[in-house]
Structure formats: structure tokens, C-alpha cells
Amino acid sequence: MHGSSASKTTKPVLVVDDEENLRHVLRLMLEQFGFVVFEACDGEDAISVLDEHPEVRMVLCDLRMPRMDGMAFLETVGGRDLSIIMMSAYGTTESSEIALGLGAVDTISKPFRPAEIRLRLERLMEHAVLADENRRLRTAVGGTSELEGFVGQSPAAQGVVDLILKVAPYPTTVLITGESGTGKEVLARALHARSARKQGPFVAVNCGAIPESLLESELFGHERGAFTGAVRAHQGLFEQAHKGTLLLDEIGEMPLGLQTRLLRVLEAGTVRRVGGQKDRKIDVRVVAATARDLVSMAEEGRFREDLLYRLRVVHIEVPPLRARAEDIPLLVERLTTRAAARLNRPPPRVDEAAMRALMNHGWPGNVRELENALERSILMGDGEVILPADLPELVWSDVVDTALAGLPSDDLSIKRHTANLERMLIHRALERTAGNRTRAAKLLDISYKALVYKIRGYGLDDE
């Protein structure tokens, strides 16, 4: 219906209620706290206000209203970027759960205290700022989408991104090294996508996955009758990658005899099929990748030194995940969204304790292990929040070990420590939900009745 004009530094909020007196009281209350208040008398009116003022992202909405009530409003605006708190004088656990299921971020019962409203709206603003910052980071991280999924804002990750962007336009041979699961193939694809060859084929082969007897034919092709079973001519991967990029993954697994042939192909720019009599001109950019230490292998005579120099014109070393732990929150957001979409589920939020566990884990399997852990957590969790207990045991046990390290060594009472931990978790859940017991019970994964009983038992009513 109406509202003050909102600038970029203000805190706009829409109050939706059919009682004019309540809207007026809320307006006076919220304006004292620095909010710019817009008003609407029902859901239809609210949609008109939101269409006219797209800067409004926080909504206080009554449950029962004429024309379009709160539930119908939630369903109608489901696709918008809004944080909605439902208000009701008839609040029940069932209606609260329905509202939360339809997209409300919180529920509050009338009458309410001014400080409670303020606290909840301030928290909504913090979440909105965090979401905006994550979006900005995703956009700013060296063209994340253009690098086909390599996510990172740490100096280590940015160094890799900068080198990829610098080298990609040129036909130079590149060696990418790093532990298993760090994203070497992702970066090879990024090199291809940023090059003048991006319209050409990207062909990848794992040199360790093909038997030695077949790898030569697979790479260089063969003519009909070249060996038993060669009933027709076969175009090798070098020919298939003509005018494009060939990724030789796990290059350290290539037998020495084939290394000699590979070196000849790289130097001559031609390939001869097995059993063939003529050389075929090829135009291929070669990217090699390995988790092995090729320098040590060359010193031991297990890898040709001249081939190493030929492959390592530009060397990109991908850091392990443990060396860029500050990238984990951004990776978690991206990977949970991707895994949830694959599982046909809404992307869950990651609990603070679970995020700490994820950041403290060593991740020997790197990004691949992290993605698998998150997919498992989505399957094991309740669909809304990933908690420490939803994570693989190796991850959450780190948190338990840390917690145990802080306990007195002479006090091994399970009963006493369990009670202390339970009290702490209930206190934290109530803090996070601004005292909303329905939502706190949901976070704690216990019934509302059990929570009320425990609050009384631990004396948390007085806090």
C-alpha cells in the first residue's frame, strides 16, 4: 500500500497484515530500528508492492488474511529471492511446518516482543548479505564458469586460474600435476575452452587405464590387418583430436617404449598408424596430467627426460585442498547445489559445526572426496540442513577428537559430558532461531515436546 523510499543503505521490509492497527504498530517499531517499512493488507496487495519495489527482500506476513492468505502468498512468490517470516495468532506446530515447507525462513507467534522481531530481521539481513557475497565471489573468482568448475578465491587457487588464463590462447604443451582429485582434467578442459581450438574436439585418455598392448593402437591408430583382430583401419586419438586438444591423463603410467613414439609425434607433428607406411599431419595441442613426480621418475630412468622437457613447456601445479582450506565454503556451496540437483532434491544448508568439520578435515582425496562426502550427506540428512552426524565418519570424528582434547583427562563420565553437550546444543539452537522452539526442535532433530522438557530440565527457561 505505501512505504518510505528506500536507498541502497536502508533496510527495507514489507509488513503484510489485514489489521491496519498492527501494521501501524509494526511500522513505528521497525522504523525505530532503522528499517524502511512497506505495507500490504493481504497477499495480492503484497505482490503488487514487491513488483513495484524489487529492493524489498524481507517480508513479515500474517498467516490468516482475506483474498490471499499467508500460505497462498508463500506458494505464489516461491520463485523469488525473498526471506519471509510468517506471523500468526493461531500458530500451531503443524501450520509452522507447512509454512516452512513452502519456503518461509521462520515463524513467529503473536503477540511478540519488539526485540524479538528486530533480532530475527537482523539475522535475515545477515543471511542476505552472506548470500550476496557468495554470489559476488562466484562471479569474481577468475571467471569460474569459464574455467569449467575450478572454484577458489585463495591465493593458491587464483595463481592456477591466472596461469590458465594466460596460457590458454597459445598452442603450447602444458603439464598439469597434482594429487588425485584436485581437478586436473577440469583445468585441461578449461585450457581447451579458452583457446582458439574451442570449436575443435577435446579428447581425453587415461594412459594407466588401457593395457600396454592396446595403448599404442589407441593413441596412434592402426591399419587393417596390422595385427590379429584388426579387421578394419582405426583412427587413433591423435587423429581424432585434430584441430583440438588431447589430454594424456596419468602420463606417468605410459610405458617407456611408447614414450619414445610420443616424443617423435610431438616433435614432428605427424603420426603413423600401427602397420601403416605413411605419416599423417596432425594439429593437436597436447596437455599431459599426472599425480606422479615425473622428475624423480626421470632420475630413476622410468620416464624419458627429453619427453619430460617437451611436455613441461608450461607447468601448472594444482594445490591439494588442504592447502586452500579457505576455498572449502565456496566449494561446498557449489558442490551441494550440483549434488542436490543430481539427486533431485533442494540444496541443503550446511550447519556451522559441519562446515568447521569440513574445513578441518585433511581431504586426502581432495575435491573429488569432498563432493562424494557431500552427496552422501545429502542422502543421509533430512534434506534441509547438513549436520556433523550426516558427514562420513572420518570427517565428523575429527570434530569429536577436537572436542575430547578439551576435556579434563581425569573426568570420563559419559553421562556428565553428554548432558553438557546436549545443553550446549539446545542453547545454540535457541540462539540461532531467536527462541523459536519449533524451529529449534527441527534443527536439533527432536520433537517439540522433548525440547520443552529438556529446556525445563536444563534451566534454559531463565536464559
Protein backbone atom coordinates (compact mmCIF):
# COMPACT_ATOMS: atom_id res chain seq x y z
CA MET A 1 0.00 0.00 0.00
CA HIS A 2 2.67 2.51 0.91
CA GLY A 3 6.18 2.89 2.26
CA SER A 4 9.13 5.23 2.56
CA SER A 5 11.53 5.42 -0.37
CA ALA A 6 14.42 3.02 0.18
CA SER A 7 18.04 3.70 -0.73
CA LYS A 8 20.87 1.19 -1.02
CA THR A 9 21.94 1.76 2.59
CA THR A 10 18.49 1.22 4.11
CA LYS A 11 16.85 -1.95 5.38
CA PRO A 12 13.55 -2.36 3.52
CA VAL A 13 10.92 -4.73 4.93
CA LEU A 14 7.34 -5.45 3.85
CA VAL A 15 4.66 -5.95 6.52
CA VAL A 16 1.64 -7.92 5.26
CA ASP A 17 -1.39 -8.00 7.58
CA ASP A 18 -5.10 -7.26 7.22
CA GLU A 19 -5.16 -5.43 10.58
CA GLU A 20 -4.28 -1.80 9.98
CA ASN A 21 -3.55 -1.17 13.67
CA LEU A 22 -0.98 -3.97 13.79
CA ARG A 23 0.70 -2.70 10.61
CA HIS A 24 0.91 0.77 12.19
CA VAL A 25 2.45 -0.60 15.41
CA LEU A 26 4.99 -2.64 13.46
CA ARG A 27 5.85 0.34 11.28
CA LEU A 28 6.60 2.55 14.31
CA MET A 29 8.57 -0.23 15.99
CA LEU A 30 10.66 -1.13 12.93
CA GLU A 31 11.35 2.45 11.89
CA GLN A 32 12.91 3.00 15.33
CA PHE A 33 15.34 0.21 14.47
CA GLY A 34 16.29 1.81 11.13
CA PHE A 35 14.08 -0.24 8.81
CA VAL A 36 12.18 1.26 5.88
CA VAL A 37 8.68 -0.20 6.09
CA PHE A 38 6.28 -1.03 3.26
CA GLU A 39 2.75 -2.20 3.97
CA ALA A 40 0.21 -4.52 2.34
CA CYS A 41 -3.23 -5.61 3.53
CA ASP A 42 -3.11 -9.14 2.01
CA GLY A 43 -1.12 -11.42 -0.30
CA GLU A 44 -2.32 -9.85 -3.56
CA ASP A 45 -1.50 -6.36 -2.32
CA ALA A 46 1.92 -7.63 -1.17
CA ILE A 47 2.75 -8.97 -4.65
CA SER A 48 1.95 -5.54 -6.13
CA VAL A 49 4.28 -3.87 -3.61
CA LEU A 50 7.07 -6.37 -4.37
CA ASP A 51 6.67 -5.82 -8.12
CA GLU A 52 6.96 -2.07 -7.59
CA HIS A 53 9.85 -2.27 -5.10
CA PRO A 54 12.26 -5.09 -6.07
CA GLU A 55 14.71 -3.89 -3.40
CA VAL A 56 12.44 -5.44 -0.73
CA ARG A 57 13.69 -8.90 0.19
CA MET A 58 12.40 -9.27 3.78
CA VAL A 59 8.73 -9.88 4.49
CA LEU A 60 6.71 -10.17 7.72
CA CYS A 61 3.48 -11.86 6.64
CA ASP A 62 0.34 -12.80 8.58
CA LEU A 63 -1.00 -16.33 8.20
CA ARG A 64 -4.76 -15.60 8.06
CA MET A 65 -5.96 -12.85 5.70
CA PRO A 66 -8.87 -12.35 3.25
CA ARG A 67 -8.45 -12.73 -0.55
CA MET A 68 -4.96 -14.26 -0.47
CA ASP A 69 -3.77 -15.66 2.86
CA GLY A 70 -0.20 -16.31 4.00
CA MET A 71 0.06 -19.85 2.67
CA ALA A 72 -1.21 -18.85 -0.77
CA PHE A 73 1.20 -15.90 -0.77
CA LEU A 74 4.12 -18.26 0.03
CA GLU A 75 3.19 -20.53 -2.86
CA THR A 76 2.82 -17.61 -5.28
CA VAL A 77 6.18 -15.96 -4.53
CA GLY A 78 8.08 -19.26 -4.20
CA GLY A 79 10.49 -18.47 -7.05
CA ARG A 80 11.52 -15.02 -5.77
CA ASP A 81 14.61 -14.14 -3.74
CA LEU A 82 12.72 -13.37 -0.51
CA SER A 83 13.17 -14.07 3.19
CA ILE A 84 9.70 -14.45 4.72
CA ILE A 85 8.73 -14.67 8.40
CA MET A 86 5.17 -15.89 8.98
CA MET A 87 3.17 -14.29 11.83
CA SER A 88 0.14 -15.91 13.43
CA ALA A 89 -2.06 -15.58 16.50
CA TYR A 90 -3.19 -19.14 15.80
CA GLY A 91 0.27 -20.62 15.47
CA THR A 92 0.48 -24.39 15.68
CA THR A 93 3.37 -26.73 15.10
CA GLU A 94 1.59 -28.12 12.04
CA SER A 95 0.94 -24.74 10.41
CA SER A 96 4.52 -23.67 11.17
CA GLU A 97 5.91 -26.76 9.49
CA ILE A 98 3.68 -26.23 6.44
CA ALA A 99 4.84 -22.61 6.18
CA LEU A 100 8.50 -23.61 6.46
CA GLY A 101 7.93 -26.30 3.85
CA LEU A 102 6.50 -23.69 1.48
CA GLY A 103 9.61 -21.51 1.77
CA ALA A 104 9.22 -19.36 4.90
CA VAL A 105 12.51 -18.99 6.73
CA ASP A 106 10.92 -18.52 10.14
CA THR A 107 7.60 -18.34 12.02
CA ILE A 108 6.62 -16.17 14.97
CA SER A 109 3.52 -16.15 17.18
CA LYS A 110 1.54 -13.06 18.15
CA PRO A 111 1.89 -11.21 20.44
CA PHE A 112 5.64 -10.75 20.04
CA ARG A 113 8.27 -8.58 21.69
CA PRO A 114 9.90 -5.72 19.71
CA ALA A 115 13.40 -7.07 20.45
CA GLU A 116 12.42 -10.49 19.05
CA ILE A 117 11.20 -9.01 15.77
CA ARG A 118 14.33 -6.88 15.47
CA LEU A 119 16.66 -9.82 16.17
CA ARG A 120 15.01 -12.03 13.57
CA LEU A 121 15.06 -9.35 10.88
CA GLU A 122 18.71 -8.51 11.61
CA ARG A 123 19.57 -12.19 11.16
CA LEU A 124 17.68 -12.27 7.88
CA MET A 125 19.76 -9.31 6.72
CA GLU A 126 22.99 -11.08 7.67
CA HIS A 127 21.92 -14.13 5.66
CA ALA A 128 21.05 -11.92 2.69
CA VAL A 129 24.45 -10.17 2.85
CA LEU A 130 26.18 -13.57 3.03
CA ALA A 131 24.24 -14.85 0.04
CA ASP A 132 25.12 -11.71 -1.95
CA GLU A 133 28.79 -12.09 -1.02
CA ASN A 134 28.82 -15.72 -2.15
CA ARG A 135 27.23 -14.72 -5.46
CA ARG A 136 29.83 -11.97 -5.89
CA LEU A 137 32.67 -14.37 -5.13
CA ARG A 138 31.36 -16.93 -7.60
CA THR A 139 31.32 -14.21 -10.27
CA ALA A 140 34.69 -12.77 -9.29
CA VAL A 141 36.72 -15.97 -8.97
CA GLY A 142 38.64 -15.60 -12.19
CA GLY A 143 35.70 -16.45 -14.40
CA THR A 144 34.61 -19.57 -12.52
CA SER A 145 32.06 -20.66 -15.12
CA GLU A 146 34.61 -20.16 -17.91
CA LEU A 147 37.07 -22.40 -16.05
CA GLU A 148 34.51 -25.19 -16.06
CA GLY A 149 34.13 -25.60 -12.31
CA PHE A 150 37.53 -24.82 -10.78
CA VAL A 151 36.40 -22.79 -7.78
CA GLY A 152 38.66 -20.83 -5.48
CA GLN A 153 39.40 -17.42 -4.05
CA SER A 154 42.60 -18.35 -2.16
CA PRO A 155 45.96 -17.09 -3.47
CA ALA A 156 46.89 -20.69 -4.38
CA ALA A 157 43.74 -21.19 -6.46
CA GLN A 158 43.97 -17.75 -8.04
CA GLY A 159 47.56 -18.47 -9.10
CA VAL A 160 46.30 -21.51 -11.02
CA VAL A 161 43.44 -19.54 -12.57
CA ASP A 162 45.77 -16.72 -13.67
CA LEU A 163 48.18 -19.18 -15.30
CA ILE A 164 45.35 -20.99 -17.14
CA LEU A 165 44.01 -17.70 -18.50
CA LYS A 166 47.50 -16.60 -19.58
CA VAL A 167 48.47 -19.85 -21.33
CA ALA A 168 45.12 -20.93 -22.81
CA PRO A 169 45.21 -18.85 -26.05
CA TYR A 170 48.54 -20.37 -27.17
CA PRO A 171 49.26 -23.86 -28.63
CA THR A 172 51.96 -24.52 -26.01
CA THR A 173 52.20 -28.01 -24.48
CA VAL A 174 51.17 -27.96 -20.80
CA LEU A 175 51.92 -30.36 -17.95
CA ILE A 176 49.38 -30.31 -15.10
CA THR A 177 50.49 -32.02 -11.88
CA GLY A 178 48.69 -32.54 -8.59
CA GLU A 179 47.25 -35.14 -6.28
CA SER A 180 44.35 -37.33 -7.34
CA GLY A 181 41.02 -35.50 -7.18
CA THR A 182 42.39 -31.95 -7.40
CA GLY A 183 40.70 -31.19 -10.73
CA LYS A 184 43.45 -31.70 -13.32
CA GLU A 185 41.03 -32.73 -16.08
CA VAL A 186 38.75 -29.80 -15.23
CA LEU A 187 41.70 -27.45 -15.83
CA ALA A 188 42.65 -29.21 -19.07
CA ARG A 189 39.10 -28.66 -20.31
CA ALA A 190 39.37 -25.01 -19.23
CA LEU A 191 42.55 -24.62 -21.31
CA HIS A 192 40.68 -26.01 -24.31
CA ALA A 193 37.57 -23.87 -23.73
CA ARG A 194 39.64 -20.66 -23.54
CA SER A 195 41.74 -21.44 -26.63
CA ALA A 196 41.23 -20.77 -30.34
CA ARG A 197 40.63 -24.55 -30.61
CA LYS A 198 37.46 -24.50 -28.53
CA GLN A 199 35.32 -25.36 -31.59
CA GLY A 200 37.50 -28.43 -32.16
CA PRO A 201 37.38 -31.75 -30.27
CA PHE A 202 38.58 -32.26 -26.70
CA VAL A 203 39.80 -35.86 -26.39
CA ALA A 204 40.96 -37.41 -23.10
CA VAL A 205 42.69 -40.73 -22.48
CA ASN A 206 43.83 -42.28 -19.20
CA CYS A 207 47.20 -43.81 -20.02
CA GLY A 208 47.05 -46.02 -16.92
CA ALA A 209 43.63 -47.48 -17.69
CA ILE A 210 44.47 -49.07 -21.07
CA PRO A 211 46.61 -52.24 -21.32
CA GLU A 212 50.05 -51.60 -22.80
CA SER A 213 49.27 -53.91 -25.74
CA LEU A 214 46.32 -51.70 -26.76
CA LEU A 215 47.57 -48.22 -25.82
CA GLU A 216 49.78 -47.79 -28.91
CA SER A 217 46.89 -48.56 -31.27
CA GLU A 218 44.54 -46.38 -29.19
CA LEU A 219 46.84 -43.36 -29.40
CA PHE A 220 48.24 -43.64 -32.91
CA GLY A 221 45.65 -45.79 -34.69
CA HIS A 222 46.23 -48.88 -36.83
CA GLU A 223 45.72 -50.06 -40.39
CA ARG A 224 43.61 -53.04 -41.37
CA GLY A 225 45.50 -56.29 -40.84
CA ALA A 226 48.17 -54.66 -38.65
CA PHE A 227 47.65 -57.41 -36.06
CA THR A 228 45.26 -60.26 -35.30
CA GLY A 229 41.78 -58.81 -34.88
CA ALA A 230 42.48 -55.61 -36.84
CA VAL A 231 39.67 -56.24 -39.32
CA ARG A 232 39.37 -52.57 -40.26
CA ALA A 233 41.50 -49.42 -40.11
CA HIS A 234 41.27 -47.45 -36.84
CA GLN A 235 41.80 -43.74 -36.37
CA GLY A 236 43.86 -43.08 -33.22
CA LEU A 237 43.19 -40.43 -30.59
CA PHE A 238 45.78 -38.04 -32.05
CA GLU A 239 43.90 -38.02 -35.35
CA GLN A 240 40.55 -37.73 -33.56
CA ALA A 241 41.87 -34.66 -31.71
CA HIS A 242 43.00 -32.89 -34.93
CA LYS A 243 42.43 -29.12 -34.61
CA GLY A 244 41.61 -29.66 -30.95
CA THR A 245 43.16 -30.72 -27.63
CA LEU A 246 44.37 -34.14 -26.47
CA LEU A 247 44.63 -34.77 -22.72
CA LEU A 248 47.10 -37.52 -21.83
CA ASP A 249 45.98 -38.22 -18.28
CA GLU A 250 48.21 -40.24 -15.94
CA ILE A 251 51.11 -39.75 -18.35
CA GLY A 252 53.45 -41.22 -15.71
CA GLU A 253 51.89 -44.65 -16.36
CA MET A 254 52.94 -44.69 -20.05
CA PRO A 255 55.48 -47.47 -20.88
CA LEU A 256 58.97 -46.31 -21.89
CA GLY A 257 58.65 -47.72 -25.42
CA LEU A 258 55.54 -45.64 -26.10
CA GLN A 259 57.18 -42.57 -24.56
CA THR A 260 59.72 -42.71 -27.40
CA ARG A 261 56.94 -42.76 -30.02
CA LEU A 262 55.08 -39.97 -28.26
CA LEU A 263 58.18 -37.77 -28.26
CA ARG A 264 58.59 -38.32 -32.01
CA VAL A 265 54.94 -37.34 -32.64
CA LEU A 266 55.27 -34.18 -30.55
CA GLU A 267 58.47 -33.11 -32.33
CA ALA A 268 57.38 -33.96 -35.89
CA GLY A 269 53.70 -33.01 -35.71
CA THR A 270 52.89 -36.22 -37.59
CA VAL A 271 51.56 -39.62 -36.60
CA ARG A 272 51.97 -43.04 -38.26
CA ARG A 273 49.37 -45.71 -37.58
CA VAL A 274 50.45 -49.16 -36.39
CA GLY A 275 51.11 -51.20 -39.53
CA GLY A 276 51.00 -48.04 -41.67
CA GLN A 277 53.51 -46.79 -44.25
CA LYS A 278 52.81 -43.06 -44.29
CA ASP A 279 52.92 -40.22 -41.81
CA ARG A 280 49.77 -38.15 -41.29
CA LYS A 281 49.99 -34.46 -40.43
CA ILE A 282 48.19 -33.56 -37.21
CA ASP A 283 47.46 -30.26 -35.48
CA VAL A 284 46.89 -31.11 -31.83
CA ARG A 285 47.53 -29.23 -28.62
CA VAL A 286 48.75 -31.76 -26.03
CA VAL A 287 48.03 -31.39 -22.32
CA ALA A 288 49.54 -34.01 -20.02
CA ALA A 289 48.46 -34.64 -16.43
CA THR A 290 49.82 -36.79 -13.64
CA ALA A 291 49.78 -37.29 -9.89
CA ARG A 292 53.31 -38.71 -10.07
CA ASP A 293 56.67 -36.99 -9.55
CA LEU A 294 58.00 -37.17 -13.13
CA VAL A 295 61.32 -35.54 -12.17
CA SER A 296 62.10 -38.36 -9.71
CA MET A 297 60.92 -40.92 -12.27
CA ALA A 298 63.25 -39.41 -14.88
CA GLU A 299 66.18 -39.54 -12.44
CA GLU A 300 65.40 -43.23 -11.84
CA GLY A 301 65.21 -43.94 -15.58
CA ARG A 302 61.45 -44.70 -15.51
CA PHE A 303 60.46 -41.66 -17.56
CA ARG A 304 62.26 -40.14 -20.53
CA GLU A 305 63.93 -36.90 -19.51
CA ASP A 306 63.69 -35.42 -23.02
CA LEU A 307 59.95 -36.17 -23.09
CA LEU A 308 59.53 -34.50 -19.69
CA TYR A 309 61.14 -31.32 -21.01
CA ARG A 310 58.94 -31.46 -24.11
CA LEU A 311 55.76 -31.83 -22.06
CA ARG A 312 56.73 -29.32 -19.39
CA VAL A 313 56.92 -26.21 -21.57
CA VAL A 314 54.41 -24.75 -19.10
CA HIS A 315 53.94 -26.46 -15.74
CA ILE A 316 50.74 -25.94 -13.73
CA GLU A 317 50.81 -27.43 -10.25
CA VAL A 318 47.35 -27.78 -8.71
CA PRO A 319 47.40 -27.35 -4.91
CA PRO A 320 45.74 -30.02 -2.73
CA LEU A 321 42.53 -28.99 -1.00
CA ARG A 322 44.20 -28.96 2.43
CA ALA A 323 46.49 -26.17 1.14
CA ARG A 324 43.49 -23.96 0.28
CA ALA A 325 41.02 -24.70 3.06
CA GLU A 326 39.59 -21.16 2.77
CA ASP A 327 38.07 -22.26 -0.57
CA ILE A 328 36.02 -25.01 1.08
CA PRO A 329 32.87 -22.94 1.91
CA LEU A 330 32.62 -21.77 -1.70
CA LEU A 331 33.24 -25.30 -2.98
CA VAL A 332 30.67 -26.72 -0.55
CA GLU A 333 28.01 -24.32 -1.80
CA ARG A 334 28.69 -25.20 -5.43
CA LEU A 335 29.03 -28.96 -4.89
CA THR A 336 25.92 -29.30 -2.68
CA THR A 337 23.88 -27.49 -5.31
CA ARG A 338 25.22 -29.79 -8.02
CA ALA A 339 24.77 -32.97 -5.98
CA ALA A 340 21.26 -31.96 -4.87
CA ALA A 341 20.25 -31.32 -8.49
CA ARG A 342 21.61 -34.74 -9.45
CA LEU A 343 19.58 -36.34 -6.64
CA ASN A 344 16.50 -34.26 -7.49
CA ARG A 345 16.48 -32.62 -4.05
CA PRO A 346 16.56 -28.99 -2.88
CA PRO A 347 20.10 -27.88 -1.96
CA PRO A 348 20.56 -28.10 1.83
CA ARG A 349 22.17 -25.57 4.14
CA VAL A 350 25.37 -26.68 5.90
CA ASP A 351 25.38 -26.36 9.69
CA GLU A 352 28.21 -24.26 11.18
CA ALA A 353 29.68 -27.20 13.09
CA ALA A 354 29.52 -29.35 9.94
CA MET A 355 31.28 -26.62 7.96
CA ARG A 356 34.03 -26.45 10.59
CA ALA A 357 34.43 -30.22 10.32
CA LEU A 358 34.67 -29.96 6.53
CA MET A 359 37.30 -27.21 6.79
CA ASN A 360 39.37 -29.07 9.39
CA HIS A 361 39.47 -32.40 7.52
CA GLY A 362 42.64 -33.20 5.57
CA TRP A 363 40.85 -34.39 2.37
CA PRO A 364 43.43 -36.84 1.01
CA GLY A 365 41.07 -37.39 -1.95
CA ASN A 366 40.76 -33.63 -2.46
CA VAL A 367 37.76 -32.07 -4.26
CA ARG A 368 36.53 -35.44 -5.54
CA GLU A 369 36.39 -36.79 -1.97
CA LEU A 370 34.63 -33.62 -0.78
CA GLU A 371 31.98 -33.96 -3.48
CA ASN A 372 31.38 -37.62 -2.62
CA ALA A 373 31.12 -36.75 1.10
CA LEU A 374 28.56 -34.03 0.41
CA GLU A 375 26.47 -36.29 -1.81
CA ARG A 376 26.43 -38.91 0.95
CA SER A 377 25.48 -36.24 3.50
CA ILE A 378 22.52 -35.11 1.37
CA LEU A 379 21.32 -38.70 1.21
CA MET A 380 21.80 -39.27 4.96
CA GLY A 381 20.43 -35.92 6.15
CA ASP A 382 16.91 -34.56 6.50
CA GLY A 383 17.13 -32.56 3.28
CA GLU A 384 17.25 -29.09 4.87
CA VAL A 385 20.45 -28.96 6.92
CA ILE A 386 23.66 -30.98 6.77
CA LEU A 387 24.73 -31.71 10.36
CA PRO A 388 28.08 -33.16 11.54
CA ALA A 389 26.45 -36.56 12.09
CA ASP A 390 25.42 -36.63 8.39
CA LEU A 391 29.06 -36.44 7.29
CA PRO A 392 31.23 -39.53 6.73
CA GLU A 393 32.69 -40.85 10.00
CA LEU A 394 36.26 -39.90 9.08
CA VAL A 395 35.16 -36.26 8.74
CA TRP A 396 32.99 -35.80 11.85
CA SER A 397 35.32 -37.88 14.01
CA ASP A 398 37.84 -35.02 13.63
CA VAL A 399 35.32 -32.80 15.45
CA VAL A 400 34.87 -35.39 18.20
CA ASP A 401 38.64 -35.72 18.62
CA THR A 402 38.96 -31.93 18.92
CA ALA A 403 36.14 -31.81 21.47
CA LEU A 404 37.69 -34.63 23.53
CA ALA A 405 41.05 -32.86 23.52
CA GLY A 406 39.48 -30.03 25.53
CA LEU A 407 38.06 -32.30 28.26
CA PRO A 408 39.78 -32.95 31.61
CA SER A 409 41.75 -36.19 31.29
CA ASP A 410 40.56 -37.44 34.70
CA ASP A 411 36.82 -36.92 34.03
CA LEU A 412 35.49 -39.73 31.83
CA SER A 413 31.84 -39.54 32.85
CA ILE A 414 29.76 -40.15 29.69
CA LYS A 415 26.61 -39.06 31.49
CA ARG A 416 28.03 -35.72 32.62
CA HIS A 417 29.69 -34.83 29.31
CA THR A 418 26.67 -35.92 27.28
CA ALA A 419 24.42 -33.68 29.37
CA ASN A 420 26.79 -30.73 28.94
CA LEU A 421 26.94 -31.25 25.19
CA GLU A 422 23.14 -31.56 24.93
CA ARG A 423 22.61 -28.38 26.95
CA MET A 424 25.12 -26.51 24.75
CA LEU A 425 23.44 -27.67 21.53
CA ILE A 426 19.97 -26.69 22.77
CA HIS A 427 21.25 -23.28 23.84
CA ARG A 428 22.86 -22.78 20.42
CA ALA A 429 19.70 -23.85 18.55
CA LEU A 430 17.55 -21.44 20.57
CA GLU A 431 20.05 -18.65 19.93
CA ARG A 432 20.07 -19.33 16.21
CA THR A 433 16.26 -19.35 15.98
CA ALA A 434 15.81 -16.34 18.30
CA GLY A 435 13.94 -18.51 20.76
CA ASN A 436 11.62 -20.15 18.22
CA ARG A 437 11.20 -23.59 19.79
CA THR A 438 9.51 -25.15 16.77
CA ARG A 439 12.48 -24.36 14.53
CA ALA A 440 14.98 -25.20 17.28
CA ALA A 441 13.42 -28.66 17.68
CA LYS A 442 13.75 -29.12 13.91
CA LEU A 443 17.44 -28.18 13.98
CA LEU A 444 18.06 -30.50 16.95
CA ASP A 445 16.18 -33.34 15.26
CA ILE A 446 13.93 -33.94 18.29
CA SER A 447 10.22 -33.44 18.90
CA TYR A 448 8.84 -30.12 20.13
CA LYS A 449 7.62 -31.83 23.32
CA ALA A 450 11.06 -33.32 24.02
CA LEU A 451 12.68 -29.92 23.54
CA VAL A 452 10.31 -28.21 26.02
CA TYR A 453 11.04 -30.95 28.56
CA LYS A 454 14.81 -30.57 28.14
CA ILE A 455 14.67 -26.75 28.30
CA ARG A 456 12.98 -27.01 31.70
CA GLY A 457 15.36 -29.75 32.83
CA TYR A 458 18.46 -27.71 31.98
CA GLY A 459 17.04 -24.47 33.37
CA LEU A 460 17.22 -22.74 29.99
CA ASP A 461 13.82 -21.08 30.52
CA ASP A 462 15.50 -18.36 32.54
CA GLU A 463 18.17 -17.51 29.93
